[in-house]
Amino acid sequence: MMKKGNLFKFLISSAFAAGALLIPANAFAAPDTENPAAAYAGQTMSKGVLIEGTDVSGMTFDEAAVVAEGYAEKFKDVSFTLRVPDGRSVVAKGSDLGLLSGDTEVVERAMRYGKTGNPLERYIATRRSEAGKTADFPLSLRADYTTVNNYVEGIAPSLKTEVKEHDLKRENGQFIFIEGTPGITVDVAQSATTIVDYIAHSWDGSNASIDLVTSVVQPKGDAEKLKAVKDVLGTYTTNYYGSTVGRRNNIQVGTKNVNGKLMLPGDTLSVSTAMQKRTVENGYMEASAYENGATIDALGGGICQVSTTLYNAVIRAELEVVERSPHSMTVSYVEPSMDAAISDGIKDFVFRNDSDYPVYIEGIAGESSVTFTVFGHETRPANRKVDFESQILETVEPDNIFRANGDLPAGTVSRVSSAHTGYTAQLLKIVTVDGVEQSRAVFNKSKYRATENIYDVGIASSRPEATAAMNAAIASQDLATIQAAAAQWDEAAYQAQQAAQQPAQPDPAAPPADPAAPAPTQ
């Protein structure tokens, strides 16, 4: 067992054996004070004291603190490669990340060296100083979180990648699968924390690489299921031969906007939204449309034929109909209950892909017809067929309305608005297997209003009795009575008759007759 005196000699000799003594971080604990500079006012560092290899002997607290803070300058040009999962990166310098080395506690411990501690510690420190030995207090580098956070926030947009979804393109009757790519978004706060932690605990002072914290969004959809899309699930065609240029244009524009829509399982499509706002800027023109039971000219008139044609393809594909409304009056291109009206903010056709596979919507609008086809992966039995049948439940015949018009001559009867017959109808879904009917169920019900034939009847006449007679006939609201009165009191015929009965009047513009001129030959 070593005697106390020998132990004392051993500790001293060991302390002197080392050249520069590296002082542990927990040695010479600093006092608990909020203002260390004031606490050590008038004191200077002991001889042989180093801070991270720099001699601070004889310096005041503030002077040594400047040395400690300046240590980080040595690392201002060190490179930090900040990476995201797809291999892209940004190189930051140490100065970009706000590297710090000023550590008040280290400066305090250095100041206390040789001045505090037990008698043995003070004795060793004094003897080492007298012998020209040094005591080095190491600094730890760290990064300022706010500076790092601001830097990452600045570079995050350049490292962001929008997800590119899987897609299908149909060319020359064939489908082409287009593989998507993941989207990457940098989590700024988490990335800043990662960088600060790495510099504080793992960094060795050399160039380094750090993986940023990111959110990766994978493309939607199952690639194999997308590649399986090739079967016709439902198709339908309607004609618009004889439509105006504006109406034909609107059908073509609306069809083009819907064409190519890819719907993954569970996706919902608003057809009104897909066709875009009906504006001139979006390519739409004025054409006839229904509004409050009347036919008017409106931008986008005719687009309901697009939604109606698609509706009939969708129900044959047996996809889920979320929203569908009939027109206020019947249309000519499909039977009652087979239509799907669109009215911005009022009516929409919305459907959902409730199948297990994606579906692709193809729309083709030519000069006189529009066709929609729903493609997908057929899972229904080949011997099972679906059809739809329109059934009229009630018919409401239109009335005639006759209006007196003082700007038209008596005898004029002009129809200004054509009637629509009113109906209550339903659509039946009929399922057959091997040609044998399995079910017949009501699929929807629709009600269409009846609108009247509206006639303007002329009452203007030079004869008061004619005007009175026409007003009396109009009051009957009977077409035959009004037509008879119009024939009797026809103002145009009356004026022609009056003109024929008047003797010929000389033309005031003709030259006077020459009395000496020979008489005309008989």
Protein backbone atom coordinates (compact mmCIF):
# COMPACT_ATOMS: atom_id res chain seq x y z
CA MET A 1 0.00 0.00 0.00
CA MET A 2 1.36 3.40 -1.05
CA LYS A 3 1.95 5.87 1.77
CA LYS A 4 0.31 9.30 1.67
CA GLY A 5 3.60 11.08 1.10
CA ASN A 6 4.49 8.80 -1.76
CA LEU A 7 1.00 9.29 -3.24
CA PHE A 8 1.44 13.08 -3.11
CA LYS A 9 4.78 12.79 -4.90
CA PHE A 10 3.25 10.46 -7.46
CA LEU A 11 0.43 12.87 -8.33
CA ILE A 12 2.80 15.78 -8.69
CA SER A 13 5.21 13.84 -10.88
CA SER A 14 2.36 12.62 -13.03
CA ALA A 15 1.07 16.17 -13.48
CA PHE A 16 4.49 17.36 -14.56
CA ALA A 17 5.05 14.42 -16.92
CA ALA A 18 2.52 15.86 -19.34
CA GLY A 19 3.49 18.77 -21.55
CA ALA A 20 0.26 20.58 -22.34
CA LEU A 21 -2.44 19.35 -19.98
CA LEU A 22 -5.87 19.06 -21.63
CA ILE A 23 -8.42 20.12 -19.05
CA PRO A 24 -11.69 18.13 -19.05
CA ALA A 25 -14.88 20.06 -19.66
CA ASN A 26 -16.18 19.41 -16.16
CA ALA A 27 -13.02 20.57 -14.38
CA PHE A 28 -13.01 23.78 -12.42
CA ALA A 29 -16.75 24.24 -12.47
CA ALA A 30 -17.83 27.85 -12.94
CA PRO A 31 -19.82 29.65 -10.28
CA ASP A 32 -23.51 30.23 -10.82
CA THR A 33 -23.53 33.84 -11.98
CA GLU A 34 -25.42 35.72 -14.66
CA ASN A 35 -22.57 38.17 -15.31
CA PRO A 36 -19.26 36.29 -15.28
CA ALA A 37 -17.33 39.24 -16.75
CA ALA A 38 -18.30 41.32 -13.70
CA ALA A 39 -17.56 38.44 -11.35
CA TYR A 40 -13.97 38.24 -12.62
CA ALA A 41 -13.39 41.98 -12.98
CA GLY A 42 -9.75 42.87 -12.25
CA GLN A 43 -8.57 39.26 -12.67
CA THR A 44 -6.41 37.83 -15.45
CA MET A 45 -5.70 34.37 -16.70
CA SER A 46 -2.91 32.41 -14.99
CA LYS A 47 0.32 31.79 -16.79
CA GLY A 48 0.28 28.83 -19.16
CA VAL A 49 -3.50 28.83 -19.74
CA LEU A 50 -4.66 28.01 -23.28
CA ILE A 51 -8.13 28.04 -24.82
CA GLU A 52 -8.31 25.59 -27.71
CA GLY A 53 -4.54 25.94 -28.25
CA THR A 54 -4.39 29.73 -28.06
CA ASP A 55 -2.38 31.24 -25.18
CA VAL A 56 -4.59 33.53 -23.12
CA SER A 57 -2.16 34.01 -20.22
CA GLY A 58 -2.61 37.42 -18.58
CA MET A 59 -5.85 38.19 -20.49
CA THR A 60 -8.96 39.54 -18.83
CA PHE A 61 -12.22 37.63 -19.01
CA ASP A 62 -13.49 39.74 -21.93
CA GLU A 63 -10.22 39.41 -23.87
CA ALA A 64 -10.24 35.64 -23.50
CA ALA A 65 -13.91 35.54 -24.51
CA VAL A 66 -13.01 37.25 -27.81
CA VAL A 67 -10.41 34.52 -28.43
CA ALA A 68 -13.01 31.83 -27.76
CA GLU A 69 -15.54 33.42 -30.09
CA GLY A 70 -12.99 33.82 -32.87
CA TYR A 71 -12.21 30.10 -32.93
CA ALA A 72 -15.28 29.42 -35.11
CA GLU A 73 -13.83 31.67 -37.86
CA LYS A 74 -11.39 28.87 -38.70
CA PHE A 75 -14.34 26.79 -39.92
CA LYS A 76 -16.26 29.39 -41.91
CA ASP A 77 -15.24 27.83 -45.25
CA VAL A 78 -15.86 24.20 -44.27
CA SER A 79 -18.41 22.61 -46.63
CA PHE A 80 -21.59 20.91 -45.49
CA THR A 81 -23.35 18.98 -48.26
CA LEU A 82 -27.07 18.96 -47.47
CA ARG A 83 -28.76 16.10 -49.32
CA VAL A 84 -32.27 14.92 -50.21
CA PRO A 85 -33.21 11.31 -51.10
CA ASP A 86 -33.15 11.70 -54.90
CA GLY A 87 -29.45 12.66 -54.83
CA ARG A 88 -29.82 16.42 -55.24
CA SER A 89 -27.94 18.56 -52.75
CA VAL A 90 -26.91 22.05 -51.74
CA VAL A 91 -23.45 22.87 -50.35
CA ALA A 92 -23.48 25.22 -47.36
CA LYS A 93 -20.43 26.88 -45.81
CA GLY A 94 -19.80 27.02 -42.10
CA SER A 95 -20.53 30.73 -42.22
CA ASP A 96 -24.00 29.96 -43.67
CA LEU A 97 -24.89 27.88 -40.63
CA GLY A 98 -23.88 30.40 -37.95
CA LEU A 99 -21.09 28.37 -36.36
CA LEU A 100 -20.35 29.45 -32.79
CA SER A 101 -17.46 28.69 -30.46
CA GLY A 102 -17.79 31.37 -27.80
CA ASP A 103 -18.46 29.38 -24.62
CA THR A 104 -18.68 31.45 -21.44
CA GLU A 105 -18.35 28.40 -19.21
CA VAL A 106 -15.05 27.40 -20.85
CA VAL A 107 -13.66 30.92 -20.35
CA GLU A 108 -14.79 30.82 -16.71
CA ARG A 109 -13.09 27.48 -16.08
CA ALA A 110 -9.90 28.80 -17.66
CA MET A 111 -10.07 31.90 -15.43
CA ARG A 112 -10.42 29.72 -12.31
CA TYR A 113 -7.41 27.56 -13.18
CA GLY A 114 -4.79 27.88 -10.41
CA LYS A 115 -7.08 30.07 -8.32
CA THR A 116 -9.71 27.63 -7.05
CA GLY A 117 -9.98 24.01 -6.12
CA ASN A 118 -8.43 22.04 -3.29
CA PRO A 119 -4.87 22.79 -2.07
CA LEU A 120 -3.39 19.99 -4.19
CA GLU A 121 -5.01 21.29 -7.39
CA ARG A 122 -3.83 24.84 -6.75
CA TYR A 123 -0.32 23.63 -5.89
CA ILE A 124 -0.04 21.55 -9.06
CA ALA A 125 -1.33 24.43 -11.21
CA THR A 126 1.16 26.86 -9.67
CA ARG A 127 4.13 24.51 -10.03
CA ARG A 128 3.19 23.73 -13.66
CA SER A 129 3.00 27.42 -14.49
CA GLU A 130 6.39 28.04 -12.92
CA ALA A 131 7.82 25.14 -14.93
CA GLY A 132 6.46 26.54 -18.21
CA LYS A 133 3.78 23.87 -18.58
CA THR A 134 0.39 24.71 -20.13
CA ALA A 135 -3.25 23.83 -19.47
CA ASP A 136 -5.50 23.75 -22.52
CA PHE A 137 -9.26 24.25 -22.22
CA PRO A 138 -11.00 22.82 -25.33
CA LEU A 139 -13.95 24.53 -27.02
CA SER A 140 -16.97 22.82 -28.57
CA LEU A 141 -18.38 24.11 -31.87
CA ARG A 142 -22.10 24.50 -32.33
CA ALA A 143 -24.49 26.06 -34.83
CA ASP A 144 -27.06 28.75 -34.15
CA TYR A 145 -30.49 27.15 -34.63
CA THR A 146 -32.19 30.30 -35.96
CA THR A 147 -29.46 30.86 -38.56
CA VAL A 148 -29.62 27.22 -39.65
CA ASN A 149 -33.43 27.26 -39.80
CA ASN A 150 -33.42 30.41 -41.95
CA TYR A 151 -30.82 28.93 -44.29
CA VAL A 152 -32.73 25.66 -44.75
CA GLU A 153 -35.94 27.60 -45.29
CA GLY A 154 -34.21 29.49 -48.09
CA ILE A 155 -32.94 26.40 -49.92
CA ALA A 156 -36.00 24.20 -49.34
CA PRO A 157 -37.89 25.40 -52.47
CA SER A 158 -34.94 24.51 -54.73
CA LEU A 159 -34.88 20.99 -53.30
CA LYS A 160 -38.63 20.48 -53.47
CA THR A 161 -39.98 18.19 -56.18
CA GLU A 162 -43.66 18.02 -57.02
CA VAL A 163 -44.97 14.50 -57.29
CA LYS A 164 -45.58 13.43 -60.88
CA GLU A 165 -48.49 11.05 -60.88
CA HIS A 166 -48.62 7.85 -62.92
CA ASP A 167 -50.56 8.50 -66.11
CA LEU A 168 -52.08 6.83 -69.12
CA LYS A 169 -52.00 8.18 -72.65
CA ARG A 170 -54.10 6.77 -75.45
CA GLU A 171 -52.51 6.89 -78.91
CA ASN A 172 -53.62 5.10 -82.07
CA GLY A 173 -56.11 3.03 -80.11
CA GLN A 174 -53.51 1.81 -77.61
CA PHE A 175 -52.74 2.76 -74.02
CA ILE A 176 -49.26 3.90 -73.00
CA PHE A 177 -48.34 3.79 -69.30
CA ILE A 178 -46.31 6.79 -68.10
CA GLU A 179 -44.53 6.13 -64.83
CA GLY A 180 -44.62 8.91 -62.25
CA THR A 181 -41.91 10.14 -59.90
CA PRO A 182 -42.03 10.82 -56.14
CA GLY A 183 -42.47 14.28 -54.71
CA ILE A 184 -40.00 15.53 -52.10
CA THR A 185 -40.59 18.27 -49.53
CA VAL A 186 -37.96 19.40 -47.02
CA ASP A 187 -39.11 19.53 -43.40
CA VAL A 188 -37.39 22.79 -42.46
CA ALA A 189 -37.68 22.60 -38.66
CA GLN A 190 -36.65 18.95 -38.38
CA SER A 191 -33.80 19.43 -40.85
CA ALA A 192 -32.49 22.41 -38.87
CA THR A 193 -32.56 20.34 -35.67
CA THR A 194 -30.69 17.51 -37.43
CA ILE A 195 -27.95 19.88 -38.62
CA VAL A 196 -27.55 21.52 -35.20
CA ASP A 197 -27.37 18.13 -33.46
CA TYR A 198 -24.84 16.78 -35.95
CA ILE A 199 -22.49 19.76 -35.55
CA ALA A 200 -22.75 19.64 -31.77
CA HIS A 201 -22.26 15.90 -31.30
CA SER A 202 -20.87 14.18 -34.42
CA TRP A 203 -18.91 16.67 -36.49
CA ASP A 204 -15.09 16.33 -36.54
CA GLY A 205 -14.46 19.75 -38.07
CA SER A 206 -13.90 18.56 -41.64
CA ASN A 207 -16.14 18.72 -44.72
CA ALA A 208 -19.28 16.74 -44.07
CA SER A 209 -22.55 15.50 -45.61
CA ILE A 210 -25.89 15.66 -43.83
CA ASP A 211 -29.18 14.11 -44.95
CA LEU A 212 -32.05 16.56 -44.62
CA VAL A 213 -35.34 15.41 -43.15
CA THR A 214 -37.88 15.16 -45.98
CA SER A 215 -41.41 14.05 -46.70
CA VAL A 216 -41.58 11.80 -49.74
CA VAL A 217 -44.92 11.50 -51.56
CA GLN A 218 -45.17 8.50 -53.85
CA PRO A 219 -47.21 8.67 -57.09
CA LYS A 220 -50.81 7.63 -56.64
CA GLY A 221 -52.14 4.43 -58.05
CA ASP A 222 -51.00 0.87 -58.57
CA ALA A 223 -48.75 0.67 -61.62
CA GLU A 224 -49.84 -2.89 -62.46
CA LYS A 225 -53.52 -2.00 -62.23
CA LEU A 226 -52.97 1.04 -64.44
CA LYS A 227 -51.33 -1.17 -67.04
CA ALA A 228 -54.40 -3.42 -66.94
CA VAL A 229 -56.70 -0.65 -68.23
CA LYS A 230 -57.69 -1.65 -71.77
CA ASP A 231 -61.32 -2.86 -71.75
CA VAL A 232 -64.41 -0.90 -72.82
CA LEU A 233 -66.69 -0.74 -69.79
CA GLY A 234 -69.28 1.56 -71.30
CA THR A 235 -69.72 3.74 -74.40
CA TYR A 236 -72.41 6.00 -75.83
CA THR A 237 -72.92 8.35 -78.80
CA THR A 238 -75.34 11.23 -79.42
CA ASN A 239 -75.79 13.33 -82.55
CA TYR A 240 -75.94 17.08 -82.99
CA TYR A 241 -76.34 17.27 -86.74
CA GLY A 242 -77.79 20.65 -87.74
CA SER A 243 -76.60 22.48 -84.61
CA THR A 244 -75.38 26.06 -84.91
CA VAL A 245 -71.69 26.85 -85.16
CA GLY A 246 -71.66 28.06 -81.55
CA ARG A 247 -73.35 24.97 -80.15
CA ARG A 248 -71.10 22.64 -82.14
CA ASN A 249 -68.05 24.52 -80.90
CA ASN A 250 -69.18 24.28 -77.27
CA ILE A 251 -69.69 20.53 -77.47
CA GLN A 252 -66.23 20.10 -78.97
CA VAL A 253 -64.55 22.33 -76.34
CA GLY A 254 -66.36 20.64 -73.45
CA THR A 255 -65.52 17.18 -74.76
CA LYS A 256 -61.86 18.07 -75.19
CA ASN A 257 -61.69 19.25 -71.55
CA VAL A 258 -63.07 15.95 -70.24
CA ASN A 259 -61.17 13.70 -72.64
CA GLY A 260 -58.21 11.87 -71.09
CA LYS A 261 -59.36 12.08 -67.46
CA LEU A 262 -57.83 9.27 -65.40
CA MET A 263 -59.74 8.22 -62.29
CA LEU A 264 -58.12 5.99 -59.69
CA PRO A 265 -60.30 3.79 -57.47
CA GLY A 266 -62.30 6.08 -55.18
CA ASP A 267 -61.77 9.21 -57.31
CA THR A 268 -64.76 11.49 -57.95
CA LEU A 269 -65.18 13.66 -61.05
CA SER A 270 -67.30 16.82 -61.32
CA VAL A 271 -68.05 17.11 -65.02
CA SER A 272 -68.98 20.79 -64.73
CA THR A 273 -65.58 21.54 -63.16
CA ALA A 274 -63.77 19.38 -65.70
CA MET A 275 -65.33 21.35 -68.56
CA GLN A 276 -64.02 24.60 -67.03
CA LYS A 277 -65.88 27.88 -66.64
CA ARG A 278 -68.01 28.74 -69.63
CA THR A 279 -66.20 31.89 -70.74
CA VAL A 280 -64.93 33.32 -74.00
CA GLU A 281 -61.38 32.99 -72.63
CA ASN A 282 -61.92 29.25 -72.24
CA GLY A 283 -63.09 28.93 -75.83
CA TYR A 284 -66.87 28.89 -75.38
CA MET A 285 -69.38 30.69 -77.61
CA GLU A 286 -73.03 31.72 -77.28
CA ALA A 287 -75.66 29.17 -78.23
CA SER A 288 -79.17 28.11 -77.21
CA ALA A 289 -79.69 26.90 -73.64
CA TYR A 290 -82.57 26.34 -71.21
CA GLU A 291 -83.19 28.81 -68.41
CA ASN A 292 -86.31 28.94 -66.20
CA GLY A 293 -88.39 27.08 -68.75
CA ALA A 294 -87.30 29.26 -71.66
CA THR A 295 -84.76 28.92 -74.44
CA ILE A 296 -82.11 31.65 -74.38
CA ASP A 297 -78.67 32.31 -75.84
CA ALA A 298 -75.89 31.72 -73.30
CA LEU A 299 -72.15 31.13 -73.26
CA GLY A 300 -71.55 27.41 -73.39
CA GLY A 301 -75.00 26.52 -74.71
CA GLY A 302 -74.93 22.84 -75.69
CA ILE A 303 -72.53 21.51 -73.07
CA CYS A 304 -75.35 19.48 -71.50
CA GLN A 305 -75.07 17.16 -74.49
CA VAL A 306 -71.50 16.48 -73.38
CA SER A 307 -72.52 15.60 -69.81
CA THR A 308 -75.51 13.60 -71.05
CA THR A 309 -73.44 11.51 -73.44
CA LEU A 310 -70.88 10.83 -70.71
CA TYR A 311 -73.67 9.97 -68.26
CA ASN A 312 -74.91 7.23 -70.54
CA ALA A 313 -71.41 5.80 -70.94
CA VAL A 314 -70.83 5.92 -67.17
CA ILE A 315 -74.06 4.11 -66.23
CA ARG A 316 -73.24 1.38 -68.75
CA ALA A 317 -69.83 1.05 -67.08
CA GLU A 318 -71.84 0.74 -63.84
CA LEU A 319 -69.84 3.38 -61.98
CA GLU A 320 -71.46 5.14 -59.04
CA VAL A 321 -73.51 8.24 -59.92
CA VAL A 322 -73.10 10.77 -57.10
CA GLU A 323 -75.13 13.64 -58.58
CA ARG A 324 -77.35 13.91 -61.65
CA SER A 325 -80.20 16.25 -62.56
CA PRO A 326 -82.63 16.24 -65.50
CA HIS A 327 -83.17 19.28 -67.69
CA SER A 328 -86.09 21.55 -66.95
CA MET A 329 -87.54 20.46 -70.33
CA THR A 330 -86.89 17.45 -72.52
CA VAL A 331 -84.01 17.41 -74.99
CA SER A 332 -83.99 16.00 -78.49
CA TYR A 333 -80.79 13.93 -78.40
CA VAL A 334 -81.82 11.34 -75.75
CA GLU A 335 -85.02 9.86 -74.36
CA PRO A 336 -86.48 11.24 -71.11
CA SER A 337 -84.52 10.28 -67.96
CA MET A 338 -81.38 9.60 -70.01
CA ASP A 339 -80.11 13.19 -69.71
CA ALA A 340 -77.75 14.85 -67.23
CA ALA A 341 -77.99 18.65 -67.10
CA ILE A 342 -75.16 21.05 -66.26
CA SER A 343 -75.77 24.55 -64.89
CA ASP A 344 -72.88 26.42 -63.30
CA GLY A 345 -73.32 26.37 -59.53
CA ILE A 346 -76.81 24.83 -59.78
CA LYS A 347 -76.67 21.45 -61.52
CA ASP A 348 -73.77 19.07 -62.02
CA PHE A 349 -73.06 15.53 -63.11
CA VAL A 350 -70.72 13.90 -60.60
CA PHE A 351 -69.64 10.27 -60.56
CA ARG A 352 -67.19 8.12 -58.62
CA ASN A 353 -64.94 5.28 -59.68
CA ASP A 354 -66.12 2.68 -57.18
CA SER A 355 -64.35 -0.16 -58.99
CA ASP A 356 -61.08 -1.78 -57.94
CA TYR A 357 -59.23 -0.56 -61.03
CA PRO A 358 -58.52 2.84 -62.58
CA VAL A 359 -60.76 4.08 -65.38
CA TYR A 360 -59.87 6.29 -68.32
CA ILE A 361 -62.42 8.62 -69.96
CA GLU A 362 -62.16 9.12 -73.71
CA GLY A 363 -64.28 11.76 -75.43
CA ILE A 364 -64.39 12.36 -79.18
CA ALA A 365 -66.50 15.14 -80.73
CA GLY A 366 -66.67 15.38 -84.52
CA GLU A 367 -68.74 17.60 -86.79
CA SER A 368 -72.08 16.00 -85.97
CA SER A 369 -71.71 13.49 -83.12
CA VAL A 370 -70.00 13.04 -79.75
CA THR A 371 -68.90 9.72 -78.23
CA PHE A 372 -67.71 8.94 -74.72
CA THR A 373 -66.06 5.66 -73.77
CA VAL A 374 -65.12 4.51 -70.27
CA PHE A 375 -62.08 2.20 -70.33
CA GLY A 376 -60.98 0.03 -67.42
CA HIS A 377 -60.34 -3.58 -66.49
CA GLU A 378 -63.43 -5.69 -67.08
CA THR A 379 -64.29 -7.92 -64.12
CA ARG A 380 -67.96 -8.48 -64.96
CA PRO A 381 -68.96 -11.83 -66.48
CA ALA A 382 -68.90 -11.86 -70.28
CA ASN A 383 -72.42 -13.32 -70.47
CA ARG A 384 -73.89 -10.51 -68.35
CA LYS A 385 -75.35 -7.52 -70.23
CA VAL A 386 -76.70 -4.18 -69.01
CA ASP A 387 -79.21 -2.02 -70.85
CA PHE A 388 -81.38 1.00 -70.01
CA GLU A 389 -84.92 1.82 -71.04
CA SER A 390 -86.82 5.11 -70.80
CA GLN A 391 -90.39 4.83 -69.53
CA ILE A 392 -93.00 7.62 -69.60
CA LEU A 393 -95.19 7.72 -66.50
CA GLU A 394 -97.19 10.89 -67.20
CA THR A 395 -97.66 13.30 -70.11
CA VAL A 396 -98.69 16.94 -69.76
CA GLU A 397 -99.81 18.57 -73.02
CA PRO A 398 -98.75 22.19 -73.50
CA ASP A 399 -101.16 25.12 -73.73
CA ASN A 400 -101.24 28.03 -76.18
CA ILE A 401 -100.84 31.61 -75.02
CA PHE A 402 -101.89 34.50 -77.27
CA ARG A 403 -100.58 38.02 -76.57
CA ALA A 404 -101.83 41.26 -78.12
CA ASN A 405 -99.06 43.16 -79.91
CA GLY A 406 -99.76 46.76 -80.88
CA ASP A 407 -96.68 46.89 -83.09
CA LEU A 408 -97.99 44.20 -85.45
CA PRO A 409 -100.80 44.84 -87.96
CA ALA A 410 -104.11 43.12 -87.39
CA GLY A 411 -104.20 39.76 -89.12
CA THR A 412 -100.69 38.80 -87.99
CA VAL A 413 -100.39 35.65 -85.83
CA SER A 414 -96.73 34.83 -85.10
CA ARG A 415 -95.44 32.03 -82.84
CA VAL A 416 -92.51 33.41 -80.81
CA SER A 417 -91.88 30.43 -78.54
CA SER A 418 -92.46 26.74 -79.24
CA ALA A 419 -94.05 24.45 -76.71
CA HIS A 420 -92.55 21.52 -74.86
CA THR A 421 -94.65 18.60 -73.73
CA GLY A 422 -94.26 17.88 -70.03
CA TYR A 423 -93.33 14.41 -68.81
CA THR A 424 -92.76 12.39 -65.71
CA ALA A 425 -90.39 9.60 -66.66
CA GLN A 426 -88.13 6.96 -65.19
CA LEU A 427 -85.11 5.04 -66.40
CA LEU A 428 -85.08 1.28 -65.99
CA LYS A 429 -81.85 -0.71 -65.63
CA ILE A 430 -82.21 -4.12 -67.19
CA VAL A 431 -79.70 -6.91 -66.55
CA THR A 432 -79.62 -10.08 -68.63
CA VAL A 433 -77.44 -13.17 -68.38
CA ASP A 434 -77.11 -15.28 -71.52
CA GLY A 435 -79.98 -13.24 -72.94
CA VAL A 436 -82.33 -14.05 -70.06
CA GLU A 437 -83.57 -11.08 -68.04
CA GLN A 438 -82.40 -11.26 -64.44
CA SER A 439 -83.58 -7.90 -63.13
CA ARG A 440 -85.47 -4.78 -64.11
CA ALA A 441 -85.12 -1.93 -61.61
CA VAL A 442 -85.87 1.80 -61.54
CA PHE A 443 -82.54 3.61 -61.93
CA ASN A 444 -83.75 7.24 -61.80
CA LYS A 445 -86.85 9.36 -62.03
CA SER A 446 -87.19 12.69 -63.84
CA LYS A 447 -89.81 15.37 -64.21
CA TYR A 448 -89.91 17.79 -67.15
CA ARG A 449 -92.11 20.83 -67.21
CA ALA A 450 -94.56 21.62 -69.97
CA THR A 451 -94.08 24.99 -71.66
CA GLU A 452 -96.62 26.79 -73.80
CA ASN A 453 -96.69 27.84 -77.42
CA ILE A 454 -96.58 31.62 -77.24
CA TYR A 455 -98.08 33.68 -80.07
CA ASP A 456 -97.95 37.41 -80.70
CA VAL A 457 -101.19 38.59 -82.34
CA GLY A 458 -101.27 41.91 -84.19
CA ILE A 459 -103.98 44.43 -83.28
CA ALA A 460 -102.73 47.57 -85.06
CA SER A 461 -105.31 48.83 -87.57
CA SER A 462 -106.67 52.00 -89.11
CA ARG A 463 -110.12 50.64 -88.25
CA PRO A 464 -111.06 50.76 -84.55
CA GLU A 465 -113.52 47.95 -85.06
CA ALA A 466 -110.69 45.73 -86.33
CA THR A 467 -108.63 46.36 -83.22
CA ALA A 468 -111.65 45.66 -81.02
CA ALA A 469 -112.45 42.46 -82.90
CA MET A 470 -108.87 41.19 -82.59
CA ASN A 471 -108.78 41.96 -78.85
CA ALA A 472 -112.04 40.05 -78.41
CA ALA A 473 -110.64 37.08 -80.28
CA ILE A 474 -107.43 37.14 -78.19
CA ALA A 475 -109.53 37.11 -75.02
CA SER A 476 -110.94 33.73 -76.07
CA GLN A 477 -107.36 32.25 -76.14
CA ASP A 478 -108.68 29.92 -78.85
CA LEU A 479 -106.46 29.42 -81.91
CA ALA A 480 -109.31 28.82 -84.37
CA THR A 481 -111.21 31.92 -83.20
CA ILE A 482 -108.09 34.09 -83.43
CA GLN A 483 -107.19 32.76 -86.88
CA ALA A 484 -110.72 33.47 -88.14
CA ALA A 485 -110.62 37.03 -86.80
CA ALA A 486 -107.18 37.55 -88.27
CA ALA A 487 -108.44 36.50 -91.70
CA GLN A 488 -111.47 38.81 -91.44
CA TRP A 489 -109.61 41.84 -90.14
CA ASP A 490 -106.35 41.46 -92.02
CA GLU A 491 -104.96 45.01 -92.06
CA ALA A 492 -102.51 44.32 -94.87
CA ALA A 493 -105.29 43.03 -97.14
CA TYR A 494 -107.52 45.96 -96.20
CA GLN A 495 -104.85 48.51 -97.04
CA ALA A 496 -104.19 46.82 -100.39
CA GLN A 497 -107.89 46.87 -101.20
CA GLN A 498 -108.16 50.56 -100.33
CA ALA A 499 -105.20 51.39 -102.52
CA ALA A 500 -106.72 49.54 -105.49
CA GLN A 501 -109.99 51.51 -105.25
CA GLN A 502 -108.35 54.94 -105.41
CA PRO A 503 -108.17 56.68 -108.93
CA ALA A 504 -104.73 57.09 -110.39
CA GLN A 505 -103.16 60.37 -109.39
CA PRO A 506 -100.83 62.31 -111.76
CA ASP A 507 -97.20 62.10 -110.98
CA PRO A 508 -96.18 65.56 -109.63
CA ALA A 509 -92.65 64.97 -110.79
CA ALA A 510 -93.68 64.37 -114.46
CA PRO A 511 -93.24 67.31 -117.00
CA PRO A 512 -96.43 69.04 -118.19
CA ALA A 513 -98.06 67.76 -121.38
CA ASP A 514 -97.27 69.54 -124.71
CA PRO A 515 -100.58 70.76 -126.33
CA ALA A 516 -98.98 70.64 -129.79
CA ALA A 517 -97.93 67.07 -129.44
CA PRO A 518 -99.76 64.60 -131.71
CA ALA A 519 -102.40 62.38 -130.14
CA PRO A 520 -101.27 58.85 -129.34
CA THR A 521 -102.03 56.17 -131.88
CA GLN A 522 -104.95 53.92 -130.85
